[in-house]
Every structure is written in C-alpha cells, then in structure tokens.
C-alpha cells in the first residue's frame, strides 16, 4: 500500500497534504527512525481502520517492499527534543519533509529560493532554552529569503513569509527547477504555499 501513497503524493503533493495528515512516530509498532539529510521516504498508512487519512513517514530503505514500490527521494529535517536541527537543501532530492508541527517552528532561509537551509525547532519541555523559537526565527529572518511557520507570533508587519498556527500542522518542500517552494497545512485549514 505504501507504493500507492507514495505515487499519490508525487502526483500532487498539495492535494495529498490537503487530504492526509503526515506524522512521524518512531515509537509506533514497526516504525524506524529516519536519518536526517537526503534519504528515501515511504508514506505508510498509520491506521487504515479508524483513520485512513493519518500517514506515517518511514525510512524507505529500512522497510520490506513488494512489487510496485516507489520511494520518495527527499531531504528529511528531524526534530530534536528541546533543540533544533537544520539541513541544507540541494539538488539531490526533489522533496523535503520534517515531522508534524505541534508547538515547533519550521524555517527555510538563505540567499534565495535555490540556496536554502531548513530548520525544525522543537520546544517540548521547560528544559528548552528560553526564547529558543524566537531566537532561531530572528536568525532566519536575517536572510534575504525566509519562510517561517511558527506556533507563536513573531512581531508586526512580517508579511506573507511568516505564518502562525494554533494546534498543529504539516510542511512539505518541493523543488521546482532549482527553486524550493513550501506547502503547508495548519490547524486543518486548506493547504497554502509560499
């Protein structure tokens, strides 16, 4: 079944993100951690009986596949509890994934849309550095190009390059030519992109 989900995602990532919720749960039965950087992703139905729209990101290379398997070549930017991770995006893969957002910040920044670093800032407990999200967002906004999805307001007049969410969301990147675009769905709202 994963091959079918992977193909559906590749056909139209925006439609897929509108109709599915992407999750990363390394503790789930049979799940494997996904290595950061360029990798192969497998989209796996998390619970086909009670909610077939929940889809888990898995490492394609760590799973057993049958006929018709179709990996998604992608960059993966992991979440690190109470810290941040970042990876540069290049030309090795046409997509980018990061774990679902539930109090985390996502940022893409660099000199232009083709030379970017993506970052996932995770704040899960009081052990996180004070103002971690605000500080990392401020650093990203020093770049000529930035796109930010934040769980908290970051200031006034930031324009369409910064969006906030209340409860959760997904962000997926896709390369169009040499430039990166980011598709996001926040709080079950319609899909948007920047």
C-alpha atoms as a PDB file:
ATOM      1  CA  UNK A   1       0.000   0.000   0.000  1.00  0.00           C
ATOM      2  CA  UNK A   2       2.889   2.391   0.665  1.00  0.00           C
ATOM      3  CA  UNK A   3       3.763   2.467  -3.031  1.00  0.00           C
ATOM      4  CA  UNK A   4       0.251   3.757  -3.754  1.00  0.00           C
ATOM      5  CA  UNK A   5       0.560   6.514  -1.157  1.00  0.00           C
ATOM      6  CA  UNK A   6       3.988   7.488  -2.449  1.00  0.00           C
ATOM      7  CA  UNK A   7       2.681   7.705  -6.014  1.00  0.00           C
ATOM      8  CA  UNK A   8      -0.352   9.742  -4.915  1.00  0.00           C
ATOM      9  CA  UNK A   9       1.934  12.175  -3.090  1.00  0.00           C
ATOM     10  CA  UNK A  10       4.201  12.577  -6.122  1.00  0.00           C
ATOM     11  CA  UNK A  11       1.231  13.158  -8.452  1.00  0.00           C
ATOM     12  CA  UNK A  12       0.095  16.186  -6.434  1.00  0.00           C
ATOM     13  CA  UNK A  13       1.734  16.977  -3.066  1.00  0.00           C
ATOM     14  CA  UNK A  14      -0.705  19.828  -2.317  1.00  0.00           C
ATOM     15  CA  UNK A  15      -3.788  17.637  -2.791  1.00  0.00           C
ATOM     16  CA  UNK A  16      -2.167  14.850  -0.769  1.00  0.00           C
ATOM     17  CA  UNK A  17      -1.397  17.234   2.091  1.00  0.00           C
ATOM     18  CA  UNK A  18      -4.965  18.552   1.999  1.00  0.00           C
ATOM     19  CA  UNK A  19      -6.434  15.079   2.384  1.00  0.00           C
ATOM     20  CA  UNK A  20      -3.859  13.438   4.696  1.00  0.00           C
ATOM     21  CA  UNK A  21      -2.091  14.229   7.961  1.00  0.00           C
ATOM     22  CA  UNK A  22       1.619  13.359   7.923  1.00  0.00           C
ATOM     23  CA  UNK A  23       3.072  12.088  11.192  1.00  0.00           C
ATOM     24  CA  UNK A  24       6.410  10.891  12.492  1.00  0.00           C
ATOM     25  CA  UNK A  25       6.235   8.483  15.414  1.00  0.00           C
ATOM     26  CA  UNK A  26       9.409   6.430  15.901  1.00  0.00           C
ATOM     27  CA  UNK A  27       7.779   4.669  18.874  1.00  0.00           C
ATOM     28  CA  UNK A  28       4.932   3.189  16.801  1.00  0.00           C
ATOM     29  CA  UNK A  29       4.940  -0.569  16.222  1.00  0.00           C
ATOM     30  CA  UNK A  30       7.241  -1.363  13.327  1.00  0.00           C
ATOM     31  CA  UNK A  31       8.476   2.232  12.941  1.00  0.00           C
ATOM     32  CA  UNK A  32      12.063   3.118  12.194  1.00  0.00           C
ATOM     33  CA  UNK A  33      13.830   6.398  12.800  1.00  0.00           C
ATOM     34  CA  UNK A  34      14.531   8.444   9.674  1.00  0.00           C
ATOM     35  CA  UNK A  35      18.074   9.710   9.213  1.00  0.00           C
ATOM     36  CA  UNK A  36      18.440  13.436   8.596  1.00  0.00           C
ATOM     37  CA  UNK A  37      19.605  14.682   5.195  1.00  0.00           C
ATOM     38  CA  UNK A  38      18.954  13.194   1.763  1.00  0.00           C
ATOM     39  CA  UNK A  39      17.107   9.884   2.114  1.00  0.00           C
ATOM     40  CA  UNK A  40      14.266   7.766   0.722  1.00  0.00           C
ATOM     41  CA  UNK A  41      10.873   8.234   2.367  1.00  0.00           C
ATOM     42  CA  UNK A  42       7.971   5.783   2.498  1.00  0.00           C
ATOM     43  CA  UNK A  43       4.457   7.011   3.303  1.00  0.00           C
ATOM     44  CA  UNK A  44       2.687   4.337   5.355  1.00  0.00           C
ATOM     45  CA  UNK A  45      -0.943   4.276   6.439  1.00  0.00           C
ATOM     46  CA  UNK A  46      -0.845   4.613  10.221  1.00  0.00           C
ATOM     47  CA  UNK A  47      -4.294   3.175  10.974  1.00  0.00           C
ATOM     48  CA  UNK A  48      -6.330   2.074   7.985  1.00  0.00           C
ATOM     49  CA  UNK A  49      -9.342   1.050  10.087  1.00  0.00           C
ATOM     50  CA  UNK A  50     -10.168   4.069  12.237  1.00  0.00           C
ATOM     51  CA  UNK A  51      -8.455   6.864  10.330  1.00  0.00           C
ATOM     52  CA  UNK A  52      -7.011   6.095   6.893  1.00  0.00           C
ATOM     53  CA  UNK A  53      -6.021   9.752   6.425  1.00  0.00           C
ATOM     54  CA  UNK A  54      -3.202   9.541   9.005  1.00  0.00           C
ATOM     55  CA  UNK A  55       0.035   8.741   7.189  1.00  0.00           C
ATOM     56  CA  UNK A  56       3.342   7.966   8.876  1.00  0.00           C
ATOM     57  CA  UNK A  57       6.697   8.921   7.368  1.00  0.00           C
ATOM     58  CA  UNK A  58       9.103   5.967   7.422  1.00  0.00           C
ATOM     59  CA  UNK A  59      12.589   5.253   6.131  1.00  0.00           C
ATOM     60  CA  UNK A  60      12.002   3.512   2.797  1.00  0.00           C
ATOM     61  CA  UNK A  61      15.388   1.787   2.957  1.00  0.00           C
ATOM     62  CA  UNK A  62      14.616   0.118   6.304  1.00  0.00           C
ATOM     63  CA  UNK A  63      11.316  -1.416   5.182  1.00  0.00           C
ATOM     64  CA  UNK A  64      10.490  -4.570   3.195  1.00  0.00           C
ATOM     65  CA  UNK A  65       8.832  -3.841  -0.146  1.00  0.00           C
ATOM     66  CA  UNK A  66       6.989  -5.825  -2.724  1.00  0.00           C
ATOM     67  CA  UNK A  67       6.160  -5.244  -6.351  1.00  0.00           C
ATOM     68  CA  UNK A  68       5.496  -1.648  -7.377  1.00  0.00           C
ATOM     69  CA  UNK A  69       7.478   0.004  -4.585  1.00  0.00           C
ATOM     70  CA  UNK A  70       8.129   3.656  -5.363  1.00  0.00           C
ATOM     71  CA  UNK A  71      10.313   5.578  -2.874  1.00  0.00           C
ATOM     72  CA  UNK A  72      10.128   9.346  -2.436  1.00  0.00           C
ATOM     73  CA  UNK A  73      13.602  10.838  -2.720  1.00  0.00           C
ATOM     74  CA  UNK A  74      13.611  13.623  -0.142  1.00  0.00           C
ATOM     75  CA  UNK A  75      15.510  15.639   2.386  1.00  0.00           C
ATOM     76  CA  UNK A  76      14.441  14.977   5.951  1.00  0.00           C
ATOM     77  CA  UNK A  77      14.935  17.544   8.723  1.00  0.00           C
ATOM     78  CA  UNK A  78      14.360  15.731  12.048  1.00  0.00           C
ATOM     79  CA  UNK A  79      13.075  17.134  15.310  1.00  0.00           C
ATOM     80  CA  UNK A  80      15.434  17.107  18.297  1.00  0.00           C
ATOM     81  CA  UNK A  81      13.651  17.421  21.630  1.00  0.00           C
ATOM     82  CA  UNK A  82      14.128  20.895  23.148  1.00  0.00           C
ATOM     83  CA  UNK A  83      16.630  21.864  20.474  1.00  0.00           C
ATOM     84  CA  UNK A  84      16.874  22.485  16.739  1.00  0.00           C
ATOM     85  CA  UNK A  85      18.198  20.698  13.693  1.00  0.00           C
ATOM     86  CA  UNK A  86      18.930  22.091  10.269  1.00  0.00           C
ATOM     87  CA  UNK A  87      19.995  20.751   6.894  1.00  0.00           C
ATOM     88  CA  UNK A  88      20.962  22.415   3.613  1.00  0.00           C
ATOM     89  CA  UNK A  89      18.733  21.727   0.616  1.00  0.00           C
ATOM     90  CA  UNK A  90      20.440  20.968  -2.661  1.00  0.00           C
ATOM     91  CA  UNK A  91      19.714  19.130  -5.871  1.00  0.00           C
ATOM     92  CA  UNK A  92      19.951  15.539  -4.531  1.00  0.00           C
ATOM     93  CA  UNK A  93      16.202  15.193  -3.967  1.00  0.00           C
ATOM     94  CA  UNK A  94      13.033  16.939  -5.173  1.00  0.00           C
ATOM     95  CA  UNK A  95      11.130  16.935  -1.842  1.00  0.00           C
ATOM     96  CA  UNK A  96      11.655  17.916   1.799  1.00  0.00           C
ATOM     97  CA  UNK A  97       9.870  16.564   4.873  1.00  0.00           C
ATOM     98  CA  UNK A  98      10.015  17.442   8.540  1.00  0.00           C
ATOM     99  CA  UNK A  99       7.948  15.990  11.424  1.00  0.00           C
ATOM    100  CA  UNK A 100       4.459  17.303  12.032  1.00  0.00           C
ATOM    101  CA  UNK A 101       4.345  20.594  13.916  1.00  0.00           C
ATOM    102  CA  UNK A 102       2.755  20.756  17.356  1.00  0.00           C
ATOM    103  CA  UNK A 103       4.466  23.657  19.099  1.00  0.00           C
ATOM    104  CA  UNK A 104       7.536  23.559  16.835  1.00  0.00           C
ATOM    105  CA  UNK A 105       8.908  26.157  14.436  1.00  0.00           C
ATOM    106  CA  UNK A 106       9.794  25.441  10.813  1.00  0.00           C
ATOM    107  CA  UNK A 107      12.072  27.837   8.939  1.00  0.00           C
ATOM    108  CA  UNK A 108      13.626  27.884   5.468  1.00  0.00           C
ATOM    109  CA  UNK A 109      16.231  30.562   4.895  1.00  0.00           C
ATOM    110  CA  UNK A 110      19.133  31.551   2.675  1.00  0.00           C
ATOM    111  CA  UNK A 111      20.238  34.000  -0.009  1.00  0.00           C
ATOM    112  CA  UNK A 112      17.489  32.917  -2.437  1.00  0.00           C
ATOM    113  CA  UNK A 113      14.942  30.153  -3.168  1.00  0.00           C
ATOM    114  CA  UNK A 114      17.605  27.835  -4.598  1.00  0.00           C
ATOM    115  CA  UNK A 115      20.203  28.078  -1.789  1.00  0.00           C
ATOM    116  CA  UNK A 116      18.371  27.224   1.405  1.00  0.00           C
ATOM    117  CA  UNK A 117      18.740  25.683   4.812  1.00  0.00           C
ATOM    118  CA  UNK A 118      15.666  24.257   6.533  1.00  0.00           C
ATOM    119  CA  UNK A 119      15.302  24.114  10.287  1.00  0.00           C
ATOM    120  CA  UNK A 120      12.990  22.400  12.773  1.00  0.00           C
ATOM    121  CA  UNK A 121      12.953  23.986  16.240  1.00  0.00           C
ATOM    122  CA  UNK A 122      11.383  21.760  18.908  1.00  0.00           C
ATOM    123  CA  UNK A 123      10.261  23.002  22.318  1.00  0.00           C
ATOM    124  CA  UNK A 124       8.675  20.213  24.312  1.00  0.00           C
ATOM    125  CA  UNK A 125       9.513  20.966  27.948  1.00  0.00           C
ATOM    126  CA  UNK A 126      10.742  23.574  30.411  1.00  0.00           C
ATOM    127  CA  UNK A 127      14.280  22.253  29.805  1.00  0.00           C
ATOM    128  CA  UNK A 128      14.380  24.025  26.429  1.00  0.00           C
ATOM    129  CA  UNK A 129      16.447  27.190  26.217  1.00  0.00           C
ATOM    130  CA  UNK A 130      14.381  30.322  26.950  1.00  0.00           C
ATOM    131  CA  UNK A 131      13.134  32.043  23.785  1.00  0.00           C
ATOM    132  CA  UNK A 132      14.533  29.249  21.585  1.00  0.00           C
ATOM    133  CA  UNK A 133      11.810  29.685  18.949  1.00  0.00           C
ATOM    134  CA  UNK A 134      12.007  33.493  18.875  1.00  0.00           C
ATOM    135  CA  UNK A 135      15.809  33.464  18.735  1.00  0.00           C
ATOM    136  CA  UNK A 136      16.013  30.904  15.907  1.00  0.00           C
ATOM    137  CA  UNK A 137      13.288  32.744  13.949  1.00  0.00           C
ATOM    138  CA  UNK A 138      15.165  36.046  14.340  1.00  0.00           C
ATOM    139  CA  UNK A 139      18.319  34.435  12.920  1.00  0.00           C
ATOM    140  CA  UNK A 140      16.378  33.023   9.956  1.00  0.00           C
ATOM    141  CA  UNK A 141      14.809  36.421   9.241  1.00  0.00           C
ATOM    142  CA  UNK A 142      18.261  37.949   8.776  1.00  0.00           C
ATOM    143  CA  UNK A 143      18.489  36.093   5.445  1.00  0.00           C
ATOM    144  CA  UNK A 144      17.405  37.616   2.147  1.00  0.00           C
ATOM    145  CA  UNK A 145      14.947  34.718   1.687  1.00  0.00           C
ATOM    146  CA  UNK A 146      12.974  33.197   4.537  1.00  0.00           C
ATOM    147  CA  UNK A 147       9.770  31.265   5.079  1.00  0.00           C
ATOM    148  CA  UNK A 148       8.636  30.548   8.640  1.00  0.00           C
ATOM    149  CA  UNK A 149       5.803  28.557  10.209  1.00  0.00           C
ATOM    150  CA  UNK A 150       5.604  29.439  13.908  1.00  0.00           C
ATOM    151  CA  UNK A 151       3.484  28.402  16.895  1.00  0.00           C
ATOM    152  CA  UNK A 152       3.676  31.967  18.244  1.00  0.00           C
ATOM    153  CA  UNK A 153       3.514  35.489  16.813  1.00  0.00           C
ATOM    154  CA  UNK A 154       6.983  36.777  15.955  1.00  0.00           C
ATOM    155  CA  UNK A 155       6.353  40.508  15.546  1.00  0.00           C
ATOM    156  CA  UNK A 156       4.489  43.015  13.448  1.00  0.00           C
ATOM    157  CA  UNK A 157       4.437  43.509   9.698  1.00  0.00           C
ATOM    158  CA  UNK A 158       6.310  40.320   8.838  1.00  0.00           C
ATOM    159  CA  UNK A 159       4.261  39.853   5.704  1.00  0.00           C
ATOM    160  CA  UNK A 160       3.289  36.615   3.992  1.00  0.00           C
ATOM    161  CA  UNK A 161       6.641  34.919   4.681  1.00  0.00           C
ATOM    162  CA  UNK A 162       5.698  34.156   8.300  1.00  0.00           C
ATOM    163  CA  UNK A 163       2.553  32.244   9.245  1.00  0.00           C
ATOM    164  CA  UNK A 164       1.401  31.106  12.676  1.00  0.00           C
ATOM    165  CA  UNK A 165      -0.670  28.157  13.777  1.00  0.00           C
ATOM    166  CA  UNK A 166      -2.571  27.273  16.941  1.00  0.00           C
ATOM    167  CA  UNK A 167      -2.618  23.496  17.296  1.00  0.00           C
ATOM    168  CA  UNK A 168      -0.655  21.722  14.574  1.00  0.00           C
ATOM    169  CA  UNK A 169       0.397  21.439  11.007  1.00  0.00           C
ATOM    170  CA  UNK A 170       2.481  19.915   8.252  1.00  0.00           C
ATOM    171  CA  UNK A 171       5.083  21.500   5.982  1.00  0.00           C
ATOM    172  CA  UNK A 172       6.451  19.851   2.835  1.00  0.00           C
ATOM    173  CA  UNK A 173       9.016  21.292   0.442  1.00  0.00           C
ATOM    174  CA  UNK A 174       9.203  20.623  -3.263  1.00  0.00           C
ATOM    175  CA  UNK A 175      11.810  21.692  -5.736  1.00  0.00           C
ATOM    176  CA  UNK A 176      10.543  23.303  -8.927  1.00  0.00           C
ATOM    177  CA  UNK A 177      13.510  23.640 -11.245  1.00  0.00           C
ATOM    178  CA  UNK A 178      16.277  24.803  -8.905  1.00  0.00           C
ATOM    179  CA  UNK A 179      13.951  26.727  -6.568  1.00  0.00           C
ATOM    180  CA  UNK A 180      12.215  25.438  -3.456  1.00  0.00           C
ATOM    181  CA  UNK A 181       8.540  26.011  -2.627  1.00  0.00           C
ATOM    182  CA  UNK A 182       6.905  25.099   0.666  1.00  0.00           C
ATOM    183  CA  UNK A 183       3.397  23.726   1.006  1.00  0.00           C
ATOM    184  CA  UNK A 184       1.757  23.904   4.413  1.00  0.00           C
ATOM    185  CA  UNK A 185      -1.480  22.908   6.077  1.00  0.00           C
ATOM    186  CA  UNK A 186      -2.112  24.390   9.501  1.00  0.00           C
ATOM    187  CA  UNK A 187      -4.881  23.666  12.015  1.00  0.00           C
ATOM    188  CA  UNK A 188      -6.821  21.619   9.433  1.00  0.00           C
ATOM    189  CA  UNK A 189      -7.186  24.706   7.213  1.00  0.00           C
ATOM    190  CA  UNK A 190      -6.841  24.496   3.435  1.00  0.00           C
ATOM    191  CA  UNK A 191      -3.381  23.942   2.014  1.00  0.00           C
ATOM    192  CA  UNK A 192      -1.361  27.021   1.172  1.00  0.00           C
ATOM    193  CA  UNK A 193       2.139  27.615  -0.149  1.00  0.00           C
ATOM    194  CA  UNK A 194       4.950  30.123  -0.040  1.00  0.00           C
END
